[in-house]
Structures are given as C-alpha cells and as structure tokens.
PDB file of N, CA and C in Angstrom:
ATOM      1  N   MET A   1     172.561  69.954 148.692  1.00  0.00           N
ATOM      2  CA  MET A   1     171.011  70.950 148.234  1.00  0.00           C
ATOM      3  C   MET A   1     171.821  72.178 147.754  1.00  0.00           C
ATOM      4  N   GLY A   2     173.460  72.898 148.340  1.00  0.00           N
ATOM      5  CA  GLY A   2     173.914  73.926 148.108  1.00  0.00           C
ATOM      6  C   GLY A   2     174.450  73.555 146.517  1.00  0.00           C
ATOM      7  N   ALA A   3     174.779  72.649 146.178  1.00  0.00           N
ATOM      8  CA  ALA A   3     175.678  72.648 144.779  1.00  0.00           C
ATOM      9  C   ALA A   3     174.514  72.533 143.323  1.00  0.00           C
ATOM     10  N   PHE A   4     173.046  72.478 143.990  1.00  0.00           N
ATOM     11  CA  PHE A   4     172.134  72.713 142.810  1.00  0.00           C
ATOM     12  C   PHE A   4     171.801  74.503 142.468  1.00  0.00           C
ATOM     13  N   VAL A   5     172.300  75.113 143.299  1.00  0.00           N
ATOM     14  CA  VAL A   5     172.001  76.790 142.799  1.00  0.00           C
ATOM     15  C   VAL A   5     173.542  77.442 142.183  1.00  0.00           C
ATOM     16  N   LEU A   6     173.956  76.518 141.828  1.00  0.00           N
ATOM     17  CA  LEU A   6     174.852  76.691 140.701  1.00  0.00           C
ATOM     18  C   LEU A   6     174.914  75.601 139.229  1.00  0.00           C
ATOM     19  N   LEU A   7     174.911  74.474 139.832  1.00  0.00           N
ATOM     20  CA  LEU A   7     174.072  73.198 138.949  1.00  0.00           C
ATOM     21  C   LEU A   7     173.217  73.389 137.705  1.00  0.00           C
ATOM     22  N   VAL A   8     172.023  73.715 138.591  1.00  0.00           N
ATOM     23  CA  VAL A   8     170.881  73.747 137.562  1.00  0.00           C
ATOM     24  C   VAL A   8     170.617  74.966 136.475  1.00  0.00           C
ATOM     25  N   PRO A   9     171.287  76.161 137.010  1.00  0.00           N
ATOM     26  CA  PRO A   9     170.816  77.177 135.650  1.00  0.00           C
ATOM     27  C   PRO A   9     172.091  77.289 135.254  1.00  0.00           C
ATOM     28  N   ALA A  10     173.598  76.005 135.053  1.00  0.00           N
ATOM     29  CA  ALA A  10     174.761  76.057 134.616  1.00  0.00           C
ATOM     30  C   ALA A  10     174.298  75.035 133.425  1.00  0.00           C
ATOM     31  N   LEU A  11     173.307  74.587 134.159  1.00  0.00           N
ATOM     32  CA  LEU A  11     172.355  73.161 132.481  1.00  0.00           C
ATOM     33  C   LEU A  11     172.152  73.585 131.845  1.00  0.00           C
ATOM     34  N   LEU A  12     171.076  74.712 132.647  1.00  0.00           N
ATOM     35  CA  LEU A  12     170.493  75.264 132.139  1.00  0.00           C
ATOM     36  C   LEU A  12     170.217  76.024 130.401  1.00  0.00           C
ATOM     37  N   VAL A  13     172.217  77.012 131.126  1.00  0.00           N
ATOM     38  CA  VAL A  13     172.581  77.411 129.970  1.00  0.00           C
ATOM     39  C   VAL A  13     173.045  76.701 128.824  1.00  0.00           C
ATOM     40  N   VAL A  14     173.816  75.346 129.275  1.00  0.00           N
ATOM     41  CA  VAL A  14     174.213  74.240 128.198  1.00  0.00           C
ATOM     42  C   VAL A  14     173.214  73.576 127.677  1.00  0.00           C
ATOM     43  N   VAL A  15     171.706  74.002 128.441  1.00  0.00           N
ATOM     44  CA  VAL A  15     171.149  73.167 127.052  1.00  0.00           C
ATOM     45  C   VAL A  15     170.246  73.669 126.188  1.00  0.00           C
ATOM     46  N   ALA A  16     170.544  75.387 126.542  1.00  0.00           N
ATOM     47  CA  ALA A  16     169.665  76.391 125.933  1.00  0.00           C
ATOM     48  C   ALA A  16     171.146  76.111 124.608  1.00  0.00           C
ATOM     49  N   GLY A  17     172.605  76.540 124.454  1.00  0.00           N
ATOM     50  CA  GLY A  17     173.605  76.789 123.970  1.00  0.00           C
ATOM     51  C   GLY A  17     173.118  74.820 122.787  1.00  0.00           C
ATOM     52  N   TYR A  18     172.962  74.305 123.321  1.00  0.00           N
ATOM     53  CA  TYR A  18     172.822  72.987 122.509  1.00  0.00           C
ATOM     54  C   TYR A  18     172.099  73.432 121.680  1.00  0.00           C
ATOM     55  N   ALA A  19     170.404  73.889 122.408  1.00  0.00           N
ATOM     56  CA  ALA A  19     169.320  73.633 121.047  1.00  0.00           C
ATOM     57  C   ALA A  19     169.550  74.322 120.380  1.00  0.00           C
ATOM     58  N   VAL A  20     170.109  75.651 120.691  1.00  0.00           N
ATOM     59  CA  VAL A  20     170.044  76.842 119.094  1.00  0.00           C
ATOM     60  C   VAL A  20     171.233  75.759 118.641  1.00  0.00           C
ATOM     61  N   ALA A  21     172.310  75.523 118.687  1.00  0.00           N
ATOM     62  CA  ALA A  21     173.073  74.992 117.945  1.00  0.00           C
ATOM     63  C   ALA A  21     173.115  73.349 117.234  1.00  0.00           C
ATOM     64  N   TYR A  22     172.008  73.206 117.819  1.00  0.00           N
ATOM     65  CA  TYR A  22     171.641  71.912 117.236  1.00  0.00           C
ATOM     66  C   TYR A  22     170.975  72.161 115.573  1.00  0.00           C
ATOM     67  N   VAL A  23     169.844  72.541 115.852  1.00  0.00           N
ATOM     68  CA  VAL A  23     169.149  73.468 115.005  1.00  0.00           C
ATOM     69  C   VAL A  23     169.905  74.435 114.007  1.00  0.00           C
ATOM     70  N   VAL A  24     170.827  75.179 114.454  1.00  0.00           N
ATOM     71  CA  VAL A  24     171.934  75.756 113.603  1.00  0.00           C
ATOM     72  C   VAL A  24     172.274  75.180 112.643  1.00  0.00           C
ATOM     73  N   ALA A  25     172.605  74.032 112.888  1.00  0.00           N
ATOM     74  CA  ALA A  25     174.466  72.861 112.445  1.00  0.00           C
ATOM     75  C   ALA A  25     172.874  71.744 112.112  1.00  0.00           C
ATOM     76  N   GLU A  26     171.744  71.673 112.334  1.00  0.00           N
ATOM     77  CA  GLU A  26     170.285  70.881 111.294  1.00  0.00           C
ATOM     78  C   GLU A  26     170.082  72.252 109.700  1.00  0.00           C
ATOM     79  N   ALA A  27     169.933  72.927 110.424  1.00  0.00           N
ATOM     80  CA  ALA A  27     169.830  74.107 109.346  1.00  0.00           C
ATOM     81  C   ALA A  27     171.329  73.964 108.185  1.00  0.00           C
ATOM     82  N   LEU A  28     172.047  73.967 108.216  1.00  0.00           N
ATOM     83  CA  LEU A  28     173.298  73.942 108.194  1.00  0.00           C
ATOM     84  C   LEU A  28     173.508  72.378 107.171  1.00  0.00           C
ATOM     85  N   GLY A  29     172.571  71.549 107.215  1.00  0.00           N
ATOM     86  CA  GLY A  29     173.390  70.207 107.247  1.00  0.00           C
ATOM     87  C   GLY A  29     174.573  69.489 107.500  1.00  0.00           C
ATOM     88  N   VAL A  30     174.221  69.366 108.777  1.00  0.00           N
ATOM     89  CA  VAL A  30     175.904  69.187 109.004  1.00  0.00           C
ATOM     90  C   VAL A  30     175.335  68.305 109.542  1.00  0.00           C
ATOM     91  N   THR A  31     176.276  66.653 109.383  1.00  0.00           N
ATOM     92  CA  THR A  31     175.939  65.188 109.705  1.00  0.00           C
ATOM     93  C   THR A  31     175.589  65.182 110.547  1.00  0.00           C
ATOM     94  N   ALA A  32     176.109  65.555 111.345  1.00  0.00           N
ATOM     95  CA  ALA A  32     175.522  64.996 112.656  1.00  0.00           C
ATOM     96  C   ALA A  32     175.983  66.148 113.561  1.00  0.00           C
ATOM     97  N   PRO A  33     174.916  66.685 114.146  1.00  0.00           N
ATOM     98  CA  PRO A  33     174.865  68.311 114.444  1.00  0.00           C
ATOM     99  C   PRO A  33     175.113  67.973 116.100  1.00  0.00           C
ATOM    100  N   GLU A  34     174.986  67.234 116.422  1.00  0.00           N
ATOM    101  CA  GLU A  34     175.769  66.544 118.313  1.00  0.00           C
ATOM    102  C   GLU A  34     176.789  67.007 118.232  1.00  0.00           C
ATOM    103  N   ALA A  35     177.419  66.538 117.507  1.00  0.00           N
ATOM    104  CA  ALA A  35     179.092  67.335 117.487  1.00  0.00           C
ATOM    105  C   ALA A  35     179.792  68.926 117.604  1.00  0.00           C
ATOM    106  N   VAL A  36     178.359  69.494 117.226  1.00  0.00           N
ATOM    107  CA  VAL A  36     178.350  70.810 117.147  1.00  0.00           C
ATOM    108  C   VAL A  36     177.898  71.246 118.245  1.00  0.00           C
ATOM    109  N   ALA A  37     176.906  70.330 118.442  1.00  0.00           N
ATOM    110  CA  ALA A  37     175.839  70.885 119.415  1.00  0.00           C
ATOM    111  C   ALA A  37     176.271  71.069 121.098  1.00  0.00           C
ATOM    112  N   TRP A  38     176.944  70.592 121.262  1.00  0.00           N
ATOM    113  CA  TRP A  38     177.749  70.334 122.767  1.00  0.00           C
ATOM    114  C   TRP A  38     178.938  71.396 122.888  1.00  0.00           C
ATOM    115  N   PRO A  39     179.673  71.387 122.371  1.00  0.00           N
ATOM    116  CA  PRO A  39     181.127  72.313 122.716  1.00  0.00           C
ATOM    117  C   PRO A  39     180.152  73.940 122.138  1.00  0.00           C
ATOM    118  N   GLY A  40     178.892  74.083 121.364  1.00  0.00           N
ATOM    119  CA  GLY A  40     178.418  74.895 121.101  1.00  0.00           C
ATOM    120  C   GLY A  40     177.305  75.393 123.047  1.00  0.00           C
ATOM    121  N   GLY A  41     176.818  74.844 123.499  1.00  0.00           N
ATOM    122  CA  GLY A  41     176.364  74.436 124.488  1.00  0.00           C
ATOM    123  C   GLY A  41     177.402  75.017 125.341  1.00  0.00           C
ATOM    124  N   LEU A  42     178.650  74.255 125.688  1.00  0.00           N
ATOM    125  CA  LEU A  42     179.464  74.424 127.243  1.00  0.00           C
ATOM    126  C   LEU A  42     180.192  75.722 126.599  1.00  0.00           C
ATOM    127  N   LEU A  43     180.383  76.482 125.107  1.00  0.00           N
ATOM    128  CA  LEU A  43     180.634  77.908 124.606  1.00  0.00           C
ATOM    129  C   LEU A  43     179.953  78.926 125.168  1.00  0.00           C
ATOM    130  N   LEU A  44     178.542  78.616 125.343  1.00  0.00           N
ATOM    131  CA  LEU A  44     177.361  79.642 125.792  1.00  0.00           C
ATOM    132  C   LEU A  44     178.130  79.916 126.940  1.00  0.00           C
ATOM    133  N   LEU A  45     177.948  78.737 128.171  1.00  0.00           N
ATOM    134  CA  LEU A  45     178.089  77.809 129.275  1.00  0.00           C
ATOM    135  C   LEU A  45     179.701  79.472 129.644  1.00  0.00           C
ATOM    136  N   VAL A  46     180.600  78.999 128.782  1.00  0.00           N
ATOM    137  CA  VAL A  46     181.960  79.957 129.340  1.00  0.00           C
ATOM    138  C   VAL A  46     181.865  82.110 129.259  1.00  0.00           C
ATOM    139  N   VAL A  47     180.956  81.567 127.648  1.00  0.00           N
ATOM    140  CA  VAL A  47     180.490  82.933 127.332  1.00  0.00           C
ATOM    141  C   VAL A  47     180.245  83.614 128.508  1.00  0.00           C
ATOM    142  N   THR A  48     178.983  83.092 129.280  1.00  0.00           N
ATOM    143  CA  THR A  48     177.970  83.861 130.044  1.00  0.00           C
ATOM    144  C   THR A  48     178.559  84.025 131.588  1.00  0.00           C
ATOM    145  N   CYS A  49     179.145  82.607 131.599  1.00  0.00           N
ATOM    146  CA  CYS A  49     180.297  83.248 133.175  1.00  0.00           C
ATOM    147  C   CYS A  49     181.341  84.365 132.945  1.00  0.00           C
ATOM    148  N   TRP A  50     182.314  84.107 131.569  1.00  0.00           N
ATOM    149  CA  TRP A  50     183.220  85.312 131.236  1.00  0.00           C
ATOM    150  C   TRP A  50     182.001  87.067 131.646  1.00  0.00           C
ATOM    151  N   ALA A  51     180.986  86.227 131.280  1.00  0.00           N
ATOM    152  CA  ALA A  51     180.275  88.376 131.305  1.00  0.00           C
ATOM    153  C   ALA A  51     180.112  88.797 132.865  1.00  0.00           C
ATOM    154  N   LEU A  52     179.573  87.656 133.189  1.00  0.00           N
ATOM    155  CA  LEU A  52     178.856  87.718 134.558  1.00  0.00           C
ATOM    156  C   LEU A  52     179.918  88.248 135.869  1.00  0.00           C
ATOM    157  N   TRP A  53     181.248  87.373 135.186  1.00  0.00           N
ATOM    158  CA  TRP A  53     182.806  87.808 136.347  1.00  0.00           C
ATOM    159  C   TRP A  53     182.805  89.293 135.892  1.00  0.00           C
ATOM    160  N   ARG A  54     182.828  89.687 134.669  1.00  0.00           N
ATOM    161  CA  ARG A  54     183.031  90.762 134.225  1.00  0.00           C
ATOM    162  C   ARG A  54     182.315  92.165 134.659  1.00  0.00           C
ATOM    163  N   ARG A  55     181.153  91.434 134.529  1.00  0.00           N
ATOM    164  CA  ARG A  55     179.920  92.468 135.511  1.00  0.00           C
ATOM    165  C   ARG A  55     179.977  92.608 136.761  1.00  0.00           C
ATOM    166  N   ARG A  56     180.590  91.783 137.472  1.00  0.00           N
ATOM    167  CA  ARG A  56     180.657  91.669 139.052  1.00  0.00           C
ATOM    168  C   ARG A  56     182.342  91.881 139.310  1.00  0.00           C
ATOM    169  N   ARG A  57     183.219  92.277 138.717  1.00  0.00           N
ATOM    170  CA  ARG A  57     184.439  92.840 139.157  1.00  0.00           C
ATOM    171  C   ARG A  57     184.214  94.594 138.541  1.00  0.00           C
ATOM    172  N   ARG A  58     184.024  94.434 137.585  1.00  0.00           N
ATOM    173  CA  ARG A  58     183.370  96.301 136.959  1.00  0.00           C
ATOM    174  C   ARG A  58     182.420  96.870 138.478  1.00  0.00           C
ATOM    175  N   ARG A  59     181.465  95.889 139.250  1.00  0.00           N
ATOM    176  CA  ARG A  59     180.950  96.747 139.889  1.00  0.00           C
ATOM    177  C   ARG A  59     181.477  96.640 141.001  1.00  0.00           C
ATOM    178  N   ALA A  60     182.281  95.902 141.640  1.00  0.00           N
ATOM    179  CA  ALA A  60     183.631  95.853 142.317  1.00  0.00           C
ATOM    180  C   ALA A  60     184.789  96.862 142.127  1.00  0.00           C
ATOM    181  N   ARG A  61     184.802  97.773 141.066  1.00  0.00           N
ATOM    182  CA  ARG A  61     185.175  98.604 141.073  1.00  0.00           C
ATOM    183  C   ARG A  61     184.761 100.024 141.976  1.00  0.00           C
ATOM    184  N   GLY A  62     183.245  99.754 141.109  1.00  0.00           N
ATOM    185  CA  GLY A  62     182.933 100.983 141.489  1.00  0.00           C
ATOM    186  C   GLY A  62     182.102 101.671 140.540  1.00  0.00           C
ATOM    187  N   LEU A  63     182.535 100.892 139.255  1.00  0.00           N
ATOM    188  CA  LEU A  63     181.723 101.309 138.123  1.00  0.00           C
ATOM    189  C   LEU A  63     180.672 101.209 137.560  1.00  0.00           C
ATOM    190  N   GLY A  64     180.057 101.752 137.080  1.00  0.00           N
ATOM    191  CA  GLY A  64     178.717 101.368 136.615  1.00  0.00           C
ATOM    192  C   GLY A  64     178.074 100.780 136.131  1.00  0.00           C
ATOM    193  N   ALA A  65     177.104 100.812 135.060  1.00  0.00           N
ATOM    194  CA  ALA A  65     176.497  99.816 134.173  1.00  0.00           C
ATOM    195  C   ALA A  65     176.621 100.097 132.937  1.00  0.00           C
ATOM    196  N   GLY A  66     176.726 101.632 132.779  1.00  0.00           N
ATOM    197  CA  GLY A  66     177.062 103.158 131.619  1.00  0.00           C
ATOM    198  C   GLY A  66     178.232 103.109 131.849  1.00  0.00           C
ATOM    199  N   ALA A  67     178.897 102.919 132.704  1.00  0.00           N
ATOM    200  CA  ALA A  67     180.671 103.264 132.485  1.00  0.00           C
ATOM    201  C   ALA A  67     180.801 102.422 131.480  1.00  0.00           C
ATOM    202  N   ARG A  68     181.953 103.120 130.565  1.00  0.00           N
ATOM    203  CA  ARG A  68     182.906 102.494 129.646  1.00  0.00           C
ATOM    204  C   ARG A  68     184.280 103.120 130.172  1.00  0.00           C
ATOM    205  N   GLY A  69     185.235 101.811 129.443  1.00  0.00           N
ATOM    206  CA  GLY A  69     186.294 101.913 129.520  1.00  0.00           C
ATOM    207  C   GLY A  69     187.164 101.705 131.023  1.00  0.00           C
ATOM    208  N   ARG A  70     188.349 102.372 131.227  1.00  0.00           N
ATOM    209  CA  ARG A  70     189.043 101.816 132.655  1.00  0.00           C
ATOM    210  C   ARG A  70     188.777 103.063 134.252  1.00  0.00           C
ATOM    211  N   ALA A  71     188.268 102.787 135.143  1.00  0.00           N
ATOM    212  CA  ALA A  71     188.487 103.279 135.841  1.00  0.00           C
ATOM    213  C   ALA A  71     189.603 104.361 135.405  1.00  0.00           C
ATOM    214  N   ARG A  72     189.917 105.665 136.808  1.00  0.00           N
ATOM    215  CA  ARG A  72     190.622 105.959 136.583  1.00  0.00           C
ATOM    216  C   ARG A  72     191.441 107.028 137.946  1.00  0.00           C
TER     217      ARG A  72
END
C-alpha cells in the first residue's frame, strides 16, 4: 500500500505531461505524436522531482521560500 503513495502521483504527472506533449505534437503536425508524448511525460516527471528535491534541500538549509542565492 505504501508504494501507491508515491506511484500514483508520479503516474499522474507522467500522464499530464503525455497529454500536453501529445496535443502540442499533434498541433505541430508530427506524424507519430506518441513518440514525442512519452518522453514529454517522463521529462515533466524528472523536472517535477528535481524541483521538489531542490525545494526540500533549500528548506533543510533554513532558507525561506522567498530567499534567493546561496546561504552564507
């Protein structure tokens, strides 16, 4: 049951990225939009994980949400 806590949100992010990339690829006239959509969904997952990891790391250092730059 614990695995679903992480897998379901990750799957939702991948599907959202897939849907957006598919629509964009179809609008641009790509002949195989699925070939663009899956990497697009996975790219969105990677970017989301990176942003969450960075946010968590900044909070662990004691920097607030509005702080910019490195802690000194």
